[in-house]
């Protein structure tokens, strides 16, 4: 979907309808039982080959997983690779490993992540969001399994995904995610999986891993805004100018970061667990709480 089509689609959804959805979601999530408060992660997942490689990035994923000292009841992933018109929640009891890419070595297509699904938590979200739809077929795309394979290699924690409604505004996604905070007290670990900088066209054009200046500048600007909890600037990132439009040519990989940040409480610690920019992609990752 090109930008002008996205903007046109956004106009079809009144703000009043969005507000009603969020109010209903808050009513439901406020009734969830209490548990140990889970952290929130954002992970720049990058190349799916990371799932079978041993490198500084994958080592950082192991460390992120081991830092979760209380085993989550479930993991909710908001992945850049499940884009829909409308909101969908996966209720698959045994989600399949999805190979949503092509042209990679055969060994990558043999990787599986056989974690069970979490229909019970998924249905609570479905009940909370009027108009949302159940999806029984969606499994785990590589935005989920390529990182979870390193974070929780035993694949025993139930995992489910919520789609990104590509027709909605960045502000809508931020406001929706804020209403999911109660899940953290339900033992649900929420992970946004995307990339702050993600421009494949410019990556292929360059042919090496030395980062573009604009990619480094935007990634550092985002880091600074996160540290200052200036989320409004990140929601309206396009005001940053050409470094922003080059870094975020489409919003799919950027939106998961917005979900993660919206779940942070005021002055809650945010720790950057990995920092790297190569060519036209940022692998920045962080933990909240």
Protein backbone atom coordinates (compact mmCIF):
# COMPACT_ATOMS: atom_id res chain seq x y z
CA UNK A 1 0.00 0.00 0.00
CA UNK A 2 1.48 3.37 -1.00
CA UNK A 3 1.42 6.31 1.40
CA UNK A 4 -1.44 8.24 -0.27
CA UNK A 5 -3.63 5.12 -0.14
CA UNK A 6 -2.79 4.64 3.52
CA UNK A 7 -3.71 8.23 4.37
CA UNK A 8 -6.97 7.89 2.46
CA UNK A 9 -7.79 4.68 4.32
CA UNK A 10 -7.13 6.29 7.70
CA UNK A 11 -9.83 8.88 7.02
CA UNK A 12 -12.45 6.12 6.84
CA UNK A 13 -12.16 5.38 10.55
CA UNK A 14 -13.72 8.10 12.79
CA UNK A 15 -11.89 9.05 15.95
CA UNK A 16 -15.04 8.47 17.97
CA UNK A 17 -15.12 4.83 16.88
CA UNK A 18 -11.47 4.44 17.82
CA UNK A 19 -12.13 5.94 21.27
CA UNK A 20 -15.05 3.55 21.87
CA UNK A 21 -12.83 0.58 21.01
CA UNK A 22 -10.15 1.70 23.42
CA UNK A 23 -12.65 2.29 26.23
CA UNK A 24 -14.06 -1.21 25.82
CA UNK A 25 -10.56 -2.69 25.77
CA UNK A 26 -9.67 -0.94 29.02
CA UNK A 27 -12.83 -2.28 30.70
CA UNK A 28 -11.87 -5.84 29.82
CA UNK A 29 -8.16 -5.66 30.60
CA UNK A 30 -8.84 -3.99 33.96
CA UNK A 31 -10.70 -7.15 35.01
CA UNK A 32 -7.78 -9.48 34.30
CA UNK A 33 -6.24 -11.11 37.38
CA UNK A 34 -2.91 -9.97 38.77
CA UNK A 35 0.46 -11.61 38.31
CA UNK A 36 4.12 -10.61 38.36
CA UNK A 37 4.55 -7.57 36.16
CA UNK A 38 6.27 -8.51 32.94
CA UNK A 39 8.78 -6.32 31.13
CA UNK A 40 8.18 -5.20 27.55
CA UNK A 41 10.64 -5.68 24.72
CA UNK A 42 11.24 -4.09 21.37
CA UNK A 43 13.56 -6.00 19.07
CA UNK A 44 14.98 -5.04 15.70
CA UNK A 45 14.76 -8.54 14.25
CA UNK A 46 16.58 -7.97 10.94
CA UNK A 47 17.55 -10.81 8.63
CA UNK A 48 15.77 -14.15 9.28
CA UNK A 49 19.19 -15.80 8.93
CA UNK A 50 19.82 -14.60 12.47
CA UNK A 51 17.66 -17.48 13.63
CA UNK A 52 20.41 -19.97 12.70
CA UNK A 53 23.45 -17.80 13.35
CA UNK A 54 25.59 -17.19 16.41
CA UNK A 55 26.61 -13.54 16.50
CA UNK A 56 26.57 -10.57 18.90
CA UNK A 57 22.92 -9.86 18.09
CA UNK A 58 21.71 -13.39 18.77
CA UNK A 59 23.78 -13.48 21.96
CA UNK A 60 21.92 -10.37 23.09
CA UNK A 61 18.63 -12.19 22.48
CA UNK A 62 19.75 -15.03 24.74
CA UNK A 63 20.54 -12.46 27.42
CA UNK A 64 17.15 -10.77 27.00
CA UNK A 65 15.37 -14.08 27.44
CA UNK A 66 17.39 -15.06 30.49
CA UNK A 67 16.69 -11.65 32.06
CA UNK A 68 13.01 -12.62 32.41
CA UNK A 69 13.28 -14.29 35.78
CA UNK A 70 9.59 -15.21 36.12
CA UNK A 71 8.30 -17.50 33.39
CA UNK A 72 5.60 -15.68 31.39
CA UNK A 73 2.12 -17.16 31.17
CA UNK A 74 2.09 -16.19 27.49
CA UNK A 75 3.94 -14.07 24.95
CA UNK A 76 2.14 -11.57 22.72
CA UNK A 77 4.09 -10.51 19.64
CA UNK A 78 3.23 -7.47 17.51
CA UNK A 79 5.18 -8.25 14.37
CA UNK A 80 5.96 -6.10 11.35
CA UNK A 81 5.09 -9.12 9.22
CA UNK A 82 1.39 -9.44 10.02
CA UNK A 83 -0.28 -6.47 8.35
CA UNK A 84 -4.04 -6.45 7.87
CA UNK A 85 -7.04 -4.24 7.18
CA UNK A 86 -8.72 -4.42 10.56
CA UNK A 87 -7.37 -6.03 13.71
CA UNK A 88 -6.89 -9.78 13.97
CA UNK A 89 -5.77 -11.93 16.86
CA UNK A 90 -4.39 -15.42 16.41
CA UNK A 91 -6.18 -18.12 18.39
CA UNK A 92 -4.36 -21.07 16.83
CA UNK A 93 -3.80 -23.66 19.59
CA UNK A 94 -0.61 -24.86 17.89
CA UNK A 95 0.66 -22.08 15.58
CA UNK A 96 2.74 -23.18 12.62
CA UNK A 97 6.13 -21.73 11.76
CA UNK A 98 5.59 -19.38 8.81
CA UNK A 99 8.38 -18.93 6.25
CA UNK A 100 7.33 -15.51 4.98
CA UNK A 101 10.37 -14.94 2.78
CA UNK A 102 12.14 -16.45 -0.21
CA UNK A 103 15.59 -17.06 -1.64
CA UNK A 104 17.31 -18.18 1.56
CA UNK A 105 19.35 -21.36 2.19
CA UNK A 106 17.39 -24.58 2.55
CA UNK A 107 18.41 -25.01 6.19
CA UNK A 108 16.43 -21.90 7.15
CA UNK A 109 13.19 -23.55 5.98
CA UNK A 110 13.82 -26.46 8.31
CA UNK A 111 13.77 -24.28 11.41
CA UNK A 112 10.64 -24.70 13.52
CA UNK A 113 9.41 -23.08 16.71
CA UNK A 114 6.76 -25.47 18.08
CA UNK A 115 5.44 -23.31 20.92
CA UNK A 116 1.76 -23.75 21.79
CA UNK A 117 -0.67 -20.92 21.14
CA UNK A 118 -2.65 -19.06 23.79
CA UNK A 119 -6.32 -19.02 22.74
CA UNK A 120 -7.45 -17.98 26.23
CA UNK A 121 -5.44 -14.75 26.27
CA UNK A 122 -6.14 -14.12 22.61
CA UNK A 123 -9.90 -14.32 23.19
CA UNK A 124 -9.72 -11.81 26.03
CA UNK A 125 -8.24 -9.32 23.57
CA UNK A 126 -10.87 -10.22 20.96
CA UNK A 127 -13.67 -9.57 23.45
CA UNK A 128 -12.10 -6.23 24.30
CA UNK A 129 -11.83 -4.84 20.79
CA UNK A 130 -15.19 -4.48 19.00
CA UNK A 131 -14.82 -5.35 15.35
CA UNK A 132 -11.66 -7.36 15.82
CA UNK A 133 -11.63 -10.80 14.30
CA UNK A 134 -10.33 -14.18 15.29
CA UNK A 135 -7.77 -15.82 13.04
CA UNK A 136 -7.31 -19.54 13.54
CA UNK A 137 -4.81 -20.02 10.72
CA UNK A 138 -2.06 -17.47 11.32
CA UNK A 139 1.00 -19.03 12.87
CA UNK A 140 4.27 -17.41 13.89
CA UNK A 141 5.96 -15.30 11.21
CA UNK A 142 9.69 -14.72 11.25
CA UNK A 143 9.24 -11.49 13.19
CA UNK A 144 8.28 -13.80 16.07
CA UNK A 145 10.03 -17.16 15.73
CA UNK A 146 13.43 -15.90 14.56
CA UNK A 147 13.89 -14.03 17.85
CA UNK A 148 12.00 -16.37 20.20
CA UNK A 149 14.19 -19.26 19.06
CA UNK A 150 17.11 -17.55 20.81
CA UNK A 151 15.22 -15.95 23.69
CA UNK A 152 13.23 -19.01 24.79
CA UNK A 153 14.70 -21.96 22.89
CA UNK A 154 12.66 -24.61 24.70
CA UNK A 155 9.48 -23.23 23.03
CA UNK A 156 7.27 -24.10 26.01
CA UNK A 157 5.74 -20.66 26.61
CA UNK A 158 2.43 -20.10 24.73
CA UNK A 159 2.73 -17.50 21.97
CA UNK A 160 0.12 -15.55 20.03
CA UNK A 161 0.19 -12.58 17.68
CA UNK A 162 -1.96 -9.49 17.15
CA UNK A 163 -1.94 -7.96 13.69
CA UNK A 164 -1.13 -4.39 12.74
CA UNK A 165 -4.09 -2.62 11.16
CA UNK A 166 -2.31 -0.86 8.32
CA UNK A 167 -5.25 1.51 7.75
CA UNK A 168 -4.88 3.18 11.15
CA UNK A 169 -2.77 6.16 12.21
CA UNK A 170 0.35 6.01 14.35
CA UNK A 171 -1.51 7.82 17.12
CA UNK A 172 -4.23 5.16 17.05
CA UNK A 173 -1.70 2.38 17.49
CA UNK A 174 -0.05 4.20 20.40
CA UNK A 175 -3.40 4.76 22.13
CA UNK A 176 -4.49 1.17 21.55
CA UNK A 177 -1.26 -0.23 22.95
CA UNK A 178 -1.60 1.84 26.14
CA UNK A 179 -4.80 -0.03 26.91
CA UNK A 180 -2.92 -3.33 26.86
CA UNK A 181 -0.85 -2.43 29.92
CA UNK A 182 -2.98 -4.64 32.17
CA UNK A 183 -1.68 -7.67 30.31
CA UNK A 184 1.73 -7.05 31.86
CA UNK A 185 0.18 -7.82 35.25
CA UNK A 186 -1.30 -11.01 33.83
CA UNK A 187 2.11 -12.52 33.21
CA UNK A 188 2.02 -11.68 29.50
CA UNK A 189 5.33 -10.70 27.97
CA UNK A 190 4.67 -8.28 25.09
CA UNK A 191 7.23 -7.96 22.30
CA UNK A 192 7.24 -5.47 19.44
CA UNK A 193 9.29 -6.90 16.59
CA UNK A 194 10.33 -4.69 13.67
CA UNK A 195 13.20 -2.31 12.87
CA UNK A 196 13.49 1.40 13.60
CA UNK A 197 15.33 1.92 10.31
CA UNK A 198 14.25 -0.41 7.50
CA UNK A 199 14.85 0.53 3.87
CA UNK A 200 15.49 -2.58 1.78
CA UNK A 201 15.64 -0.67 -1.51
CA UNK A 202 18.53 1.45 -0.26
CA UNK A 203 20.13 -1.61 1.33
CA UNK A 204 20.22 -3.51 -1.98
CA UNK A 205 21.44 -0.39 -3.82
CA UNK A 206 24.50 -0.02 -1.58
CA UNK A 207 25.91 -3.51 -1.56
CA UNK A 208 27.88 -3.31 1.68
CA UNK A 209 27.15 -3.02 5.40
CA UNK A 210 28.61 0.43 6.06
CA UNK A 211 25.61 2.41 7.34
CA UNK A 212 24.19 5.40 5.56
CA UNK A 213 24.67 8.63 7.48
CA UNK A 214 20.93 9.27 7.49
CA UNK A 215 20.26 5.82 9.00
CA UNK A 216 22.66 6.46 11.87
CA UNK A 217 21.27 9.97 12.42
CA UNK A 218 17.67 8.78 12.61
CA UNK A 219 18.49 5.82 14.85
CA UNK A 220 20.35 8.10 17.28
CA UNK A 221 17.52 10.63 17.21
CA UNK A 222 15.02 7.90 18.11
CA UNK A 223 17.27 6.76 20.96
CA UNK A 224 17.44 10.32 22.31
CA UNK A 225 13.66 10.78 22.10
CA UNK A 226 13.11 7.47 23.90
CA UNK A 227 15.45 8.48 26.70
CA UNK A 228 13.51 11.75 27.08
CA UNK A 229 10.18 9.88 26.85
CA UNK A 230 9.24 12.22 24.01
CA UNK A 231 6.86 9.76 22.41
CA UNK A 232 4.86 12.44 20.63
CA UNK A 233 7.88 13.22 18.44
CA UNK A 234 8.24 9.52 17.64
CA UNK A 235 4.57 9.27 16.73
CA UNK A 236 5.03 12.20 14.35
CA UNK A 237 8.46 11.05 13.19
CA UNK A 238 7.94 12.35 9.65
CA UNK A 239 8.47 15.88 10.95
CA UNK A 240 12.15 14.96 11.27
CA UNK A 241 12.42 15.37 7.51
CA UNK A 242 14.36 13.43 4.89
CA UNK A 243 16.30 11.26 7.37
CA UNK A 244 12.93 10.03 8.64
CA UNK A 245 11.37 9.36 5.26
CA UNK A 246 14.49 7.48 4.14
CA UNK A 247 14.61 5.47 7.35
CA UNK A 248 10.87 4.73 7.43
CA UNK A 249 9.73 4.46 3.78
CA UNK A 250 6.83 2.30 5.00
CA UNK A 251 5.51 2.14 8.55
CA UNK A 252 5.29 -1.63 8.96
CA UNK A 253 8.62 -2.11 10.78
CA UNK A 254 8.34 1.13 12.76
CA UNK A 255 4.90 0.57 14.31
CA UNK A 256 5.96 -2.31 16.61
CA UNK A 257 8.30 0.09 18.43
CA UNK A 258 5.35 2.43 19.04
CA UNK A 259 3.41 -0.45 20.63
CA UNK A 260 6.29 -1.22 22.98
CA UNK A 261 6.83 2.40 24.04
CA UNK A 262 3.13 2.94 24.73
CA UNK A 263 3.29 0.18 27.34
CA UNK A 264 5.90 1.97 29.44
CA UNK A 265 4.86 3.59 32.69
CA UNK A 266 6.06 7.13 33.42
CA UNK A 267 9.75 7.13 34.35
CA UNK A 268 9.96 3.35 33.97
CA UNK A 269 13.50 2.25 33.16
CA UNK A 270 14.27 1.67 29.49
CA UNK A 271 17.49 -0.20 28.79
CA UNK A 272 18.99 -0.58 25.33
CA UNK A 273 20.04 -4.19 25.02
CA UNK A 274 21.53 -4.01 21.52
CA UNK A 275 22.64 -1.15 19.29
CA UNK A 276 23.81 -1.51 15.70
CA UNK A 277 23.08 0.09 12.33
CA UNK A 278 24.21 -1.61 9.17
CA UNK A 279 23.56 -0.33 5.66
CA UNK A 280 19.91 0.80 5.91
CA UNK A 281 18.66 -1.15 8.92
CA UNK A 282 18.76 -0.55 12.67
CA UNK A 283 19.03 -3.56 14.93
CA UNK A 284 18.36 -1.50 18.05
CA UNK A 285 16.55 -3.37 20.82
CA UNK A 286 15.42 -2.33 24.27
CA UNK A 287 13.76 -3.54 27.43
CA UNK A 288 11.15 -1.64 29.43
CA UNK A 289 10.92 -2.50 33.12
